[in-house]
Amino acid sequence: MPKPLILACVLLCWGMHASAQSLRCGRDFAQIGETKFVIESKCGAPAAKDSFCKPIGIAPSTVGRPPHVACDMVEEWTYKPGIGQFITILQFREGELREMKYGPRQ
C-alpha cells in the first residue's frame, strides 16, 4: 500500500477517535480528567447544570444505623454547541470530567 494512502487512513481514524468523545470550545477541546474550572474557562457557562446521586452499592450498617445505599455524587453540565451539532452532556465526579454523553442534534 502506498505511504500517502496509509497516512490518510491513519489521519482519518485519528480524527474519528478525536471526535468520538469531545466538545469543541473555541480553538480548544474539553478533555476527560480536566476540572470544572478548566472546562468552564474553556467553554463558558453551560446551558444547564444538574446533580444526582448515582448508586454504587450498599454501605454496611454501623452501630445504631441500618445499611443504606452508597452513592457517588455526579454533576452534569449540558452544552448546546450550535445548530446542527449534538447537545453534549459532561459528567463530573469529584470535580473532574469523567464522561461525555451526546443528545440529539439541535
PDB file of N, CA and C in Angstrom:
ATOM      1  N   MET A   1       0.850  -1.179   0.000  1.00  0.00           N
ATOM      2  CA  MET A   1       0.000   0.000   0.000  1.00  0.00           C
ATOM      3  C   MET A   1       0.893   1.240   0.000  1.00  0.00           C
ATOM      4  N   PRO A   2       0.603   2.241  -0.801  1.00  0.00           N
ATOM      5  CA  PRO A   2       1.428   3.446  -0.865  1.00  0.00           C
ATOM      6  C   PRO A   2       1.375   4.226   0.456  1.00  0.00           C
ATOM      7  N   LYS A   3       2.492   4.861   0.787  1.00  0.00           N
ATOM      8  CA  LYS A   3       2.590   5.599   2.046  1.00  0.00           C
ATOM      9  C   LYS A   3       1.551   6.712   2.182  1.00  0.00           C
ATOM     10  N   PRO A   4       1.247   7.487   1.139  1.00  0.00           N
ATOM     11  CA  PRO A   4       0.215   8.531   1.294  1.00  0.00           C
ATOM     12  C   PRO A   4      -1.148   7.953   1.665  1.00  0.00           C
ATOM     13  N   LEU A   5      -1.473   6.775   1.125  1.00  0.00           N
ATOM     14  CA  LEU A   5      -2.756   6.156   1.436  1.00  0.00           C
ATOM     15  C   LEU A   5      -2.781   5.692   2.893  1.00  0.00           C
ATOM     16  N   ILE A   6      -1.687   5.150   3.375  1.00  0.00           N
ATOM     17  CA  ILE A   6      -1.594   4.725   4.779  1.00  0.00           C
ATOM     18  C   ILE A   6      -1.731   5.938   5.689  1.00  0.00           C
ATOM     19  N   LEU A   7      -1.046   7.006   5.373  1.00  0.00           N
ATOM     20  CA  LEU A   7      -1.121   8.226   6.171  1.00  0.00           C
ATOM     21  C   LEU A   7      -2.549   8.768   6.196  1.00  0.00           C
ATOM     22  N   ALA A   8      -3.221   8.753   5.068  1.00  0.00           N
ATOM     23  CA  ALA A   8      -4.608   9.233   5.004  1.00  0.00           C
ATOM     24  C   ALA A   8      -5.509   8.392   5.898  1.00  0.00           C
ATOM     25  N   CYS A   9      -5.321   7.077   5.876  1.00  0.00           N
ATOM     26  CA  CYS A   9      -6.129   6.182   6.721  1.00  0.00           C
ATOM     27  C   CYS A   9      -5.883   6.453   8.199  1.00  0.00           C
ATOM     28  N   VAL A  10      -4.629   6.628   8.571  1.00  0.00           N
ATOM     29  CA  VAL A  10      -4.285   6.911   9.965  1.00  0.00           C
ATOM     30  C   VAL A  10      -4.904   8.224  10.411  1.00  0.00           C
ATOM     31  N   LEU A  11      -4.792   9.262   9.604  1.00  0.00           N
ATOM     32  CA  LEU A  11      -5.362  10.567   9.963  1.00  0.00           C
ATOM     33  C   LEU A  11      -6.882  10.507  10.059  1.00  0.00           C
ATOM     34  N   LEU A  12      -7.515   9.764   9.172  1.00  0.00           N
ATOM     35  CA  LEU A  12      -8.963   9.617   9.202  1.00  0.00           C
ATOM     36  C   LEU A  12      -9.400   8.916  10.480  1.00  0.00           C
ATOM     37  N   CYS A  13      -8.729   7.827  10.838  1.00  0.00           N
ATOM     38  CA  CYS A  13      -9.070   7.101  12.071  1.00  0.00           C
ATOM     39  C   CYS A  13      -8.812   7.952  13.296  1.00  0.00           C
ATOM     40  N   TRP A  14      -7.727   8.688  13.309  1.00  0.00           N
ATOM     41  CA  TRP A  14      -7.414   9.565  14.445  1.00  0.00           C
ATOM     42  C   TRP A  14      -8.475  10.645  14.585  1.00  0.00           C
ATOM     43  N   GLY A  15      -8.888  11.212  13.482  1.00  0.00           N
ATOM     44  CA  GLY A  15      -9.919  12.247  13.508  1.00  0.00           C
ATOM     45  C   GLY A  15     -11.240  11.716  14.023  1.00  0.00           C
ATOM     46  N   MET A  16     -11.589  10.483  13.656  1.00  0.00           N
ATOM     47  CA  MET A  16     -12.820   9.874  14.135  1.00  0.00           C
ATOM     48  C   MET A  16     -12.737   9.633  15.629  1.00  0.00           C
ATOM     49  N   HIS A  17     -11.579   9.193  16.123  1.00  0.00           N
ATOM     50  CA  HIS A  17     -11.392   8.961  17.548  1.00  0.00           C
ATOM     51  C   HIS A  17     -11.465  10.277  18.314  1.00  0.00           C
ATOM     52  N   ALA A  18     -10.859  11.323  17.803  1.00  0.00           N
ATOM     53  CA  ALA A  18     -10.851  12.616  18.484  1.00  0.00           C
ATOM     54  C   ALA A  18     -12.254  13.180  18.594  1.00  0.00           C
ATOM     55  N   SER A  19     -13.087  12.951  17.579  1.00  0.00           N
ATOM     56  CA  SER A  19     -14.435  13.489  17.636  1.00  0.00           C
ATOM     57  C   SER A  19     -15.392  12.572  18.382  1.00  0.00           C
ATOM     58  N   ALA A  20     -14.962  11.356  18.697  1.00  0.00           N
ATOM     59  CA  ALA A  20     -15.842  10.417  19.364  1.00  0.00           C
ATOM     60  C   ALA A  20     -16.225  10.895  20.753  1.00  0.00           C
ATOM     61  N   GLN A  21     -15.324  11.486  21.475  1.00  0.00           N
ATOM     62  CA  GLN A  21     -15.610  11.999  22.804  1.00  0.00           C
ATOM     63  C   GLN A  21     -14.952  13.351  22.946  1.00  0.00           C
ATOM     64  N   SER A  22     -15.594  14.377  22.385  1.00  0.00           N
ATOM     65  CA  SER A  22     -15.009  15.701  22.500  1.00  0.00           C
ATOM     66  C   SER A  22     -16.089  16.769  22.446  1.00  0.00           C
ATOM     67  N   LEU A  23     -15.755  17.885  23.020  1.00  0.00           N
ATOM     68  CA  LEU A  23     -16.584  19.077  22.938  1.00  0.00           C
ATOM     69  C   LEU A  23     -15.648  20.192  22.540  1.00  0.00           C
ATOM     70  N   ARG A  24     -15.857  20.716  21.363  1.00  0.00           N
ATOM     71  CA  ARG A  24     -15.006  21.804  20.884  1.00  0.00           C
ATOM     72  C   ARG A  24     -15.440  23.089  21.555  1.00  0.00           C
ATOM     73  N   CYS A  25     -14.463  23.773  22.108  1.00  0.00           N
ATOM     74  CA  CYS A  25     -14.704  25.042  22.803  1.00  0.00           C
ATOM     75  C   CYS A  25     -13.774  26.087  22.191  1.00  0.00           C
ATOM     76  N   GLY A  26     -14.265  26.822  21.209  1.00  0.00           N
ATOM     77  CA  GLY A  26     -13.410  27.781  20.522  1.00  0.00           C
ATOM     78  C   GLY A  26     -12.324  27.043  19.777  1.00  0.00           C
ATOM     79  N   ARG A  27     -11.071  27.314  20.136  1.00  0.00           N
ATOM     80  CA  ARG A  27      -9.934  26.641  19.484  1.00  0.00           C
ATOM     81  C   ARG A  27      -9.419  25.467  20.297  1.00  0.00           C
ATOM     82  N   ASP A  28     -10.110  25.126  21.371  1.00  0.00           N
ATOM     83  CA  ASP A  28      -9.655  24.068  22.268  1.00  0.00           C
ATOM     84  C   ASP A  28     -10.741  22.999  22.381  1.00  0.00           C
ATOM     85  N   PHE A  29     -10.439  21.938  23.116  1.00  0.00           N
ATOM     86  CA  PHE A  29     -11.392  20.863  23.370  1.00  0.00           C
ATOM     87  C   PHE A  29     -11.478  20.603  24.864  1.00  0.00           C
ATOM     88  N   ALA A  30     -12.668  20.276  25.343  1.00  0.00           N
ATOM     89  CA  ALA A  30     -12.823  19.782  26.709  1.00  0.00           C
ATOM     90  C   ALA A  30     -12.293  18.359  26.722  1.00  0.00           C
ATOM     91  N   GLN A  31     -11.530  18.015  27.756  1.00  0.00           N
ATOM     92  CA  GLN A  31     -10.913  16.694  27.793  1.00  0.00           C
ATOM     93  C   GLN A  31     -11.203  15.997  29.111  1.00  0.00           C
ATOM     94  N   ILE A  32     -11.368  14.670  29.032  1.00  0.00           N
ATOM     95  CA  ILE A  32     -11.577  13.848  30.214  1.00  0.00           C
ATOM     96  C   ILE A  32     -10.419  14.096  31.187  1.00  0.00           C
ATOM     97  N   GLY A  33     -10.746  14.253  32.470  1.00  0.00           N
ATOM     98  CA  GLY A  33      -9.731  14.469  33.500  1.00  0.00           C
ATOM     99  C   GLY A  33      -9.565  15.931  33.894  1.00  0.00           C
ATOM    100  N   GLU A  34     -10.114  16.840  33.092  1.00  0.00           N
ATOM    101  CA  GLU A  34      -9.982  18.259  33.420  1.00  0.00           C
ATOM    102  C   GLU A  34     -10.986  18.644  34.505  1.00  0.00           C
ATOM    103  N   THR A  35     -10.661  19.694  35.237  1.00  0.00           N
ATOM    104  CA  THR A  35     -11.518  20.152  36.321  1.00  0.00           C
ATOM    105  C   THR A  35     -12.662  21.018  35.794  1.00  0.00           C
ATOM    106  N   LYS A  36     -13.669  21.219  36.645  1.00  0.00           N
ATOM    107  CA  LYS A  36     -14.800  22.073  36.269  1.00  0.00           C
ATOM    108  C   LYS A  36     -14.314  23.486  35.960  1.00  0.00           C
ATOM    109  N   PHE A  37     -13.354  23.974  36.726  1.00  0.00           N
ATOM    110  CA  PHE A  37     -12.818  25.314  36.497  1.00  0.00           C
ATOM    111  C   PHE A  37     -12.210  25.427  35.096  1.00  0.00           C
ATOM    112  N   VAL A  38     -11.405  24.450  34.701  1.00  0.00           N
ATOM    113  CA  VAL A  38     -10.751  24.465  33.392  1.00  0.00           C
ATOM    114  C   VAL A  38     -11.794  24.384  32.281  1.00  0.00           C
ATOM    115  N   ILE A  39     -12.767  23.484  32.438  1.00  0.00           N
ATOM    116  CA  ILE A  39     -13.811  23.340  31.418  1.00  0.00           C
ATOM    117  C   ILE A  39     -14.591  24.639  31.266  1.00  0.00           C
ATOM    118  N   GLU A  40     -14.979  25.251  32.384  1.00  0.00           N
ATOM    119  CA  GLU A  40     -15.759  26.485  32.291  1.00  0.00           C
ATOM    120  C   GLU A  40     -14.934  27.627  31.703  1.00  0.00           C
ATOM    121  N   SER A  41     -13.635  27.656  31.991  1.00  0.00           N
ATOM    122  CA  SER A  41     -12.798  28.706  31.409  1.00  0.00           C
ATOM    123  C   SER A  41     -12.621  28.499  29.901  1.00  0.00           C
ATOM    124  N   LYS A  42     -12.618  27.247  29.431  1.00  0.00           N
ATOM    125  CA  LYS A  42     -12.503  26.955  28.002  1.00  0.00           C
ATOM    126  C   LYS A  42     -13.833  27.144  27.271  1.00  0.00           C
ATOM    127  N   CYS A  43     -14.916  26.639  27.861  1.00  0.00           N
ATOM    128  CA  CYS A  43     -16.185  26.505  27.154  1.00  0.00           C
ATOM    129  C   CYS A  43     -17.259  27.494  27.597  1.00  0.00           C
ATOM    130  N   GLY A  44     -17.005  28.233  28.656  1.00  0.00           N
ATOM    131  CA  GLY A  44     -18.023  29.136  29.173  1.00  0.00           C
ATOM    132  C   GLY A  44     -19.022  28.394  30.036  1.00  0.00           C
ATOM    133  N   ALA A  45     -20.038  29.109  30.473  1.00  0.00           N
ATOM    134  CA  ALA A  45     -21.062  28.521  31.339  1.00  0.00           C
ATOM    135  C   ALA A  45     -21.941  27.565  30.528  1.00  0.00           C
ATOM    136  N   PRO A  46     -22.329  26.436  31.124  1.00  0.00           N
ATOM    137  CA  PRO A  46     -23.207  25.506  30.418  1.00  0.00           C
ATOM    138  C   PRO A  46     -24.633  26.048  30.323  1.00  0.00           C
ATOM    139  N   ALA A  47     -25.416  25.487  29.420  1.00  0.00           N
ATOM    140  CA  ALA A  47     -26.823  25.871  29.271  1.00  0.00           C
ATOM    141  C   ALA A  47     -27.629  25.404  30.488  1.00  0.00           C
ATOM    142  N   ALA A  48     -27.214  24.281  31.100  1.00  0.00           N
ATOM    143  CA  ALA A  48     -27.915  23.747  32.266  1.00  0.00           C
ATOM    144  C   ALA A  48     -26.937  22.956  33.125  1.00  0.00           C
ATOM    145  N   LYS A  49     -27.243  22.902  34.437  1.00  0.00           N
ATOM    146  CA  LYS A  49     -26.463  22.099  35.378  1.00  0.00           C
ATOM    147  C   LYS A  49     -27.440  21.261  36.197  1.00  0.00           C
ATOM    148  N   ASP A  50     -27.023  20.058  36.531  1.00  0.00           N
ATOM    149  CA  ASP A  50     -27.833  19.173  37.361  1.00  0.00           C
ATOM    150  C   ASP A  50     -26.885  18.312  38.181  1.00  0.00           C
ATOM    151  N   SER A  51     -27.364  17.784  39.283  1.00  0.00           N
ATOM    152  CA  SER A  51     -26.560  16.842  40.055  1.00  0.00           C
ATOM    153  C   SER A  51     -27.485  15.762  40.601  1.00  0.00           C
ATOM    154  N   PHE A  52     -26.908  14.580  40.785  1.00  0.00           N
ATOM    155  CA  PHE A  52     -27.684  13.459  41.310  1.00  0.00           C
ATOM    156  C   PHE A  52     -26.758  12.463  41.972  1.00  0.00           C
ATOM    157  N   CYS A  53     -27.368  11.563  42.728  1.00  0.00           N
ATOM    158  CA  CYS A  53     -26.632  10.522  43.439  1.00  0.00           C
ATOM    159  C   CYS A  53     -26.704   9.247  42.608  1.00  0.00           C
ATOM    160  N   LYS A  54     -25.569   8.784  42.113  1.00  0.00           N
ATOM    161  CA  LYS A  54     -25.517   7.551  41.331  1.00  0.00           C
ATOM    162  C   LYS A  54     -25.218   6.397  42.294  1.00  0.00           C
ATOM    163  N   PRO A  55     -26.166   5.478  42.493  1.00  0.00           N
ATOM    164  CA  PRO A  55     -25.946   4.376  43.438  1.00  0.00           C
ATOM    165  C   PRO A  55     -24.729   3.531  43.048  1.00  0.00           C
ATOM    166  N   ILE A  56     -23.915   3.212  44.037  1.00  0.00           N
ATOM    167  CA  ILE A  56     -22.731   2.389  43.772  1.00  0.00           C
ATOM    168  C   ILE A  56     -22.705   1.124  44.625  1.00  0.00           C
ATOM    169  N   GLY A  57     -23.729   0.919  45.448  1.00  0.00           N
ATOM    170  CA  GLY A  57     -23.782  -0.292  46.262  1.00  0.00           C
ATOM    171  C   GLY A  57     -24.429  -0.023  47.604  1.00  0.00           C
ATOM    172  N   ILE A  58     -24.415  -1.031  48.441  1.00  0.00           N
ATOM    173  CA  ILE A  58     -24.992  -0.928  49.777  1.00  0.00           C
ATOM    174  C   ILE A  58     -23.846  -0.748  50.769  1.00  0.00           C
ATOM    175  N   ALA A  59     -23.939   0.330  51.546  1.00  0.00           N
ATOM    176  CA  ALA A  59     -22.941   0.563  52.594  1.00  0.00           C
ATOM    177  C   ALA A  59     -23.306  -0.294  53.798  1.00  0.00           C
ATOM    178  N   PRO A  60     -22.324  -0.877  54.457  1.00  0.00           N
ATOM    179  CA  PRO A  60     -22.631  -1.730  55.610  1.00  0.00           C
ATOM    180  C   PRO A  60     -23.230  -0.915  56.758  1.00  0.00           C
ATOM    181  N   SER A  61     -23.971  -1.619  57.595  1.00  0.00           N
ATOM    182  CA  SER A  61     -24.571  -0.939  58.740  1.00  0.00           C
ATOM    183  C   SER A  61     -23.498  -0.611  59.762  1.00  0.00           C
ATOM    184  N   THR A  62     -23.736   0.440  60.496  1.00  0.00           N
ATOM    185  CA  THR A  62     -22.854   0.814  61.607  1.00  0.00           C
ATOM    186  C   THR A  62     -23.704   0.790  62.874  1.00  0.00           C
ATOM    187  N   VAL A  63     -23.087   0.954  63.992  1.00  0.00           N
ATOM    188  CA  VAL A  63     -23.800   0.899  65.265  1.00  0.00           C
ATOM    189  C   VAL A  63     -24.939   1.916  65.263  1.00  0.00           C
ATOM    190  N   GLY A  64     -26.152   1.417  65.457  1.00  0.00           N
ATOM    191  CA  GLY A  64     -27.318   2.279  65.528  1.00  0.00           C
ATOM    192  C   GLY A  64     -27.815   2.785  64.186  1.00  0.00           C
ATOM    193  N   ARG A  65     -27.234   2.314  63.105  1.00  0.00           N
ATOM    194  CA  ARG A  65     -27.650   2.800  61.788  1.00  0.00           C
ATOM    195  C   ARG A  65     -27.791   1.622  60.831  1.00  0.00           C
ATOM    196  N   PRO A  66     -28.931   1.497  60.154  1.00  0.00           N
ATOM    197  CA  PRO A  66     -29.124   0.367  59.235  1.00  0.00           C
ATOM    198  C   PRO A  66     -28.298   0.548  57.963  1.00  0.00           C
ATOM    199  N   PRO A  67     -28.159  -0.526  57.187  1.00  0.00           N
ATOM    200  CA  PRO A  67     -27.454  -0.387  55.905  1.00  0.00           C
ATOM    201  C   PRO A  67     -28.169   0.637  55.028  1.00  0.00           C
ATOM    202  N   HIS A  68     -27.425   1.316  54.194  1.00  0.00           N
ATOM    203  CA  HIS A  68     -28.011   2.303  53.301  1.00  0.00           C
ATOM    204  C   HIS A  68     -27.323   2.233  51.930  1.00  0.00           C
ATOM    205  N   VAL A  69     -27.951   2.840  50.959  1.00  0.00           N
ATOM    206  CA  VAL A  69     -27.400   2.851  49.604  1.00  0.00           C
ATOM    207  C   VAL A  69     -26.284   3.890  49.546  1.00  0.00           C
ATOM    208  N   ALA A  70     -25.099   3.435  49.179  1.00  0.00           N
ATOM    209  CA  ALA A  70     -23.976   4.354  48.989  1.00  0.00           C
ATOM    210  C   ALA A  70     -24.072   4.938  47.591  1.00  0.00           C
ATOM    211  N   CYS A  71     -23.661   6.185  47.438  1.00  0.00           N
ATOM    212  CA  CYS A  71     -23.757   6.789  46.116  1.00  0.00           C
ATOM    213  C   CYS A  71     -22.536   7.643  45.809  1.00  0.00           C
ATOM    214  N   ASP A  72     -22.403   7.880  44.547  1.00  0.00           N
ATOM    215  CA  ASP A  72     -21.344   8.726  44.012  1.00  0.00           C
ATOM    216  C   ASP A  72     -22.041   9.969  43.466  1.00  0.00           C
ATOM    217  N   MET A  73     -21.723  11.134  43.992  1.00  0.00           N
ATOM    218  CA  MET A  73     -22.362  12.364  43.511  1.00  0.00           C
ATOM    219  C   MET A  73     -21.831  12.708  42.119  1.00  0.00           C
ATOM    220  N   VAL A  74     -22.750  12.902  41.202  1.00  0.00           N
ATOM    221  CA  VAL A  74     -22.424  13.222  39.818  1.00  0.00           C
ATOM    222  C   VAL A  74     -23.019  14.588  39.504  1.00  0.00           C
ATOM    223  N   GLU A  75     -22.230  15.426  38.860  1.00  0.00           N
ATOM    224  CA  GLU A  75     -22.729  16.716  38.394  1.00  0.00           C
ATOM    225  C   GLU A  75     -22.706  16.689  36.877  1.00  0.00           C
ATOM    226  N   GLU A  76     -23.833  17.048  36.270  1.00  0.00           N
ATOM    227  CA  GLU A  76     -23.927  17.067  34.814  1.00  0.00           C
ATOM    228  C   GLU A  76     -24.063  18.498  34.325  1.00  0.00           C
ATOM    229  N   TRP A  77     -23.267  18.809  33.321  1.00  0.00           N
ATOM    230  CA  TRP A  77     -23.355  20.098  32.644  1.00  0.00           C
ATOM    231  C   TRP A  77     -23.779  19.826  31.211  1.00  0.00           C
ATOM    232  N   THR A  78     -24.757  20.590  30.737  1.00  0.00           N
ATOM    233  CA  THR A  78     -25.251  20.427  29.376  1.00  0.00           C
ATOM    234  C   THR A  78     -24.829  21.621  28.531  1.00  0.00           C
ATOM    235  N   TYR A  79     -24.174  21.324  27.420  1.00  0.00           N
ATOM    236  CA  TYR A  79     -23.771  22.354  26.460  1.00  0.00           C
ATOM    237  C   TYR A  79     -24.541  22.161  25.162  1.00  0.00           C
ATOM    238  N   LYS A  80     -24.934  23.267  24.574  1.00  0.00           N
ATOM    239  CA  LYS A  80     -25.602  23.265  23.269  1.00  0.00           C
ATOM    240  C   LYS A  80     -24.687  24.012  22.300  1.00  0.00           C
ATOM    241  N   PRO A  81     -23.782  23.265  21.620  1.00  0.00           N
ATOM    242  CA  PRO A  81     -22.755  23.907  20.806  1.00  0.00           C
ATOM    243  C   PRO A  81     -23.254  24.723  19.617  1.00  0.00           C
ATOM    244  N   GLY A  82     -24.396  24.412  19.071  1.00  0.00           N
ATOM    245  CA  GLY A  82     -24.892  25.190  17.940  1.00  0.00           C
ATOM    246  C   GLY A  82     -25.805  24.377  17.046  1.00  0.00           C
ATOM    247  N   ILE A  83     -26.426  25.051  16.115  1.00  0.00           N
ATOM    248  CA  ILE A  83     -27.372  24.412  15.208  1.00  0.00           C
ATOM    249  C   ILE A  83     -26.675  23.315  14.404  1.00  0.00           C
ATOM    250  N   GLY A  84     -27.312  22.151  14.350  1.00  0.00           N
ATOM    251  CA  GLY A  84     -26.786  21.018  13.607  1.00  0.00           C
ATOM    252  C   GLY A  84     -25.775  20.182  14.373  1.00  0.00           C
ATOM    253  N   GLN A  85     -25.420  20.595  15.594  1.00  0.00           N
ATOM    254  CA  GLN A  85     -24.455  19.853  16.392  1.00  0.00           C
ATOM    255  C   GLN A  85     -25.173  19.137  17.528  1.00  0.00           C
ATOM    256  N   PHE A  86     -24.523  18.116  18.071  1.00  0.00           N
ATOM    257  CA  PHE A  86     -25.114  17.340  19.151  1.00  0.00           C
ATOM    258  C   PHE A  86     -25.041  18.093  20.475  1.00  0.00           C
ATOM    259  N   ILE A  87     -26.136  18.029  21.232  1.00  0.00           N
ATOM    260  CA  ILE A  87     -26.102  18.510  22.608  1.00  0.00           C
ATOM    261  C   ILE A  87     -25.105  17.625  23.341  1.00  0.00           C
ATOM    262  N   THR A  88     -24.246  18.201  24.157  1.00  0.00           N
ATOM    263  CA  THR A  88     -23.204  17.452  24.835  1.00  0.00           C
ATOM    264  C   THR A  88     -23.387  17.559  26.337  1.00  0.00           C
ATOM    265  N   ILE A  89     -23.389  16.411  27.014  1.00  0.00           N
ATOM    266  CA  ILE A  89     -23.563  16.357  28.465  1.00  0.00           C
ATOM    267  C   ILE A  89     -22.246  15.891  29.066  1.00  0.00           C
ATOM    268  N   LEU A  90     -21.683  16.730  29.927  1.00  0.00           N
ATOM    269  CA  LEU A  90     -20.433  16.407  30.608  1.00  0.00           C
ATOM    270  C   LEU A  90     -20.759  15.940  32.016  1.00  0.00           C
ATOM    271  N   GLN A  91     -20.184  14.828  32.439  1.00  0.00           N
ATOM    272  CA  GLN A  91     -20.393  14.316  33.795  1.00  0.00           C
ATOM    273  C   GLN A  91     -19.116  14.481  34.609  1.00  0.00           C
ATOM    274  N   PHE A  92     -19.278  15.145  35.743  1.00  0.00           N
ATOM    275  CA  PHE A  92     -18.162  15.369  36.658  1.00  0.00           C
ATOM    276  C   PHE A  92     -18.361  14.545  37.919  1.00  0.00           C
ATOM    277  N   ARG A  93     -17.279  13.951  38.405  1.00  0.00           N
ATOM    278  CA  ARG A  93     -17.254  13.290  39.710  1.00  0.00           C
ATOM    279  C   ARG A  93     -16.006  13.775  40.415  1.00  0.00           C
ATOM    280  N   GLU A  94     -16.175  14.153  41.663  1.00  0.00           N
ATOM    281  CA  GLU A  94     -15.067  14.673  42.477  1.00  0.00           C
ATOM    282  C   GLU A  94     -14.383  15.841  41.777  1.00  0.00           C
ATOM    283  N   GLY A  95     -15.165  16.656  41.076  1.00  0.00           N
ATOM    284  CA  GLY A  95     -14.647  17.866  40.449  1.00  0.00           C
ATOM    285  C   GLY A  95     -13.934  17.685  39.129  1.00  0.00           C
ATOM    286  N   GLU A  96     -13.858  16.438  38.626  1.00  0.00           N
ATOM    287  CA  GLU A  96     -13.171  16.164  37.361  1.00  0.00           C
ATOM    288  C   GLU A  96     -14.137  15.646  36.314  1.00  0.00           C
ATOM    289  N   LEU A  97     -13.881  15.989  35.054  1.00  0.00           N
ATOM    290  CA  LEU A  97     -14.675  15.471  33.951  1.00  0.00           C
ATOM    291  C   LEU A  97     -14.357  13.991  33.775  1.00  0.00           C
ATOM    292  N   ARG A  98     -15.384  13.157  33.920  1.00  0.00           N
ATOM    293  CA  ARG A  98     -15.180  11.711  33.823  1.00  0.00           C
ATOM    294  C   ARG A  98     -15.828  11.086  32.600  1.00  0.00           C
ATOM    295  N   GLU A  99     -16.888  11.734  32.072  1.00  0.00           N
ATOM    296  CA  GLU A  99     -17.601  11.114  30.955  1.00  0.00           C
ATOM    297  C   GLU A  99     -18.315  12.182  30.127  1.00  0.00           C
ATOM    298  N   MET A 100     -18.425  11.924  28.827  1.00  0.00           N
ATOM    299  CA  MET A 100     -19.191  12.780  27.918  1.00  0.00           C
ATOM    300  C   MET A 100     -20.259  11.925  27.256  1.00  0.00           C
ATOM    301  N   LYS A 101     -21.469  12.482  27.182  1.00  0.00           N
ATOM    302  CA  LYS A 101     -22.567  11.800  26.504  1.00  0.00           C
ATOM    303  C   LYS A 101     -23.168  12.788  25.515  1.00  0.00           C
ATOM    304  N   TYR A 102     -23.853  12.254  24.522  1.00  0.00           N
ATOM    305  CA  TYR A 102     -24.426  13.093  23.496  1.00  0.00           C
ATOM    306  C   TYR A 102     -25.926  12.907  23.403  1.00  0.00           C
ATOM    307  N   GLY A 103     -26.614  14.019  23.200  1.00  0.00           N
ATOM    308  CA  GLY A 103     -28.053  14.007  22.998  1.00  0.00           C
ATOM    309  C   GLY A 103     -28.349  14.230  21.530  1.00  0.00           C
ATOM    310  N   PRO A 104     -29.565  14.658  21.241  1.00  0.00           N
ATOM    311  CA  PRO A 104     -29.951  14.879  19.840  1.00  0.00           C
ATOM    312  C   PRO A 104     -29.256  16.110  19.253  1.00  0.00           C
ATOM    313  N   ARG A 105     -29.286  16.192  17.946  1.00  0.00           N
ATOM    314  CA  ARG A 105     -28.793  17.408  17.275  1.00  0.00           C
ATOM    315  C   ARG A 105     -29.774  18.526  17.528  1.00  0.00           C
ATOM    316  N   GLN A 106     -29.270  19.731  17.524  1.00  0.00           N
ATOM    317  CA  GLN A 106     -30.139  20.886  17.716  1.00  0.00           C
ATOM    318  C   GLN A 106     -30.785  21.286  16.415  1.00  0.00           C
TER     319      GLN A 106
END
